[in-house]
Amino acid sequence: MSDQQKSISSTGFIIALLGTVFFSTKAIFVKLAFKAVHIDAITLLMLRMLFSLPFYLIIAVRSGRKENNRKLTSKQWFYIFLMGILGYYLSSLFDFIGLQYVSAGLERLILFLYPTFAVLLNTFVFKTKLNKIQAIALVLTYMGIGIAFVGELKADTSNPDFYFGSFMVFLCAVTYSFYIVGTGKIVGSIGVSKYTAYVMLFATAGIFIHYALTRDYHSVHFTESIIGYSLALAIIATVLPSFMMSYGMKQIGSNNVAIITSIGPVSTILQAYFILGENILPLQLAGTLLVVVGVILIGKQ
């Protein structure tokens, strides 16, 4: 491997890691919004995408005006549409619904089952070889998530909608794994900026249509709190990490990104402790340690 290749790999790893941390702030902002203002999941999700929309429109227009811009085939358009619906519309909807009933720490732990699904899809559907380092990192990472999940499960079963919320987040993990794998397969042929912008525009359209069919837009009161949390969700937890993750997948592959993003539960648990006042349990700490070891292992590779 040349020095240039090493540099690209290191950059891809760091960008994917930062993108994961930014994504992990989503649960914190959602819980803060639910606590501060009376708002439902689909309305908050709609506002998140409303404030994200200008960024993706600008990037989509700029990408289309580039001299070397190549027109997308009908097949590529279909895949972009599919990734937008599965990756950001359905998965975000399931996630926001689930966050109404489970803690931010538990949400992140359940959600980060998705690298397992992503790697299994790559391995068994697309016949991508799973190397030894990836296998060891997966085992360590999911042992850690499993241990932390058990601890959280014992402490948070008093809510009657606990299992429903957990199931919604589980569905989010399943749908998001399809996005991770699909992006890894097609982002290189389209380009990071163009692909991410178009995917997010399709996802936004799906969310807006859902909102229009089920809610009354006159019921939204644009208070300072709602605008503040919506902007934070849009920029910090959506726009920036979406491009970071797409870039990371292009540079180091979707399998490695899927494993690296397992640092997400660690980030969310710490943020939930310091910002939301959620307890850190001994089993969470033990699980967190294993997750960190798994991420460092894949990072060294």
Foldseek 3Di string as FASTA:
>chain_A
DDPVLVVLLLLLLVLLLLLLLLQLCLLVLLVVLVVPDPDALLVLLLLLLVLQQVVLVVLQVVLCPDPPADDDDPVVLVLLLLLLCLAQQQLSSLLSNLSVQAHSLLLLLLLLVLLVVLVCCCCPVVVDDQDPLLVLLVVLLNVLSVLQNVVRCVVRPPGPCNVVSSVSSNSSSNSNSVSLNSLLVPCLVRDLSNSLSSSSVSNSVSSVVVCVVPHDPVPDDDDPSSNVSSNSCNPRNNDSSSSSNSSSCNSPNSSLSSLLSSLSSVSNVVCCCVPVVDDQDPSNVSSNVSSVVSNVSSSVD
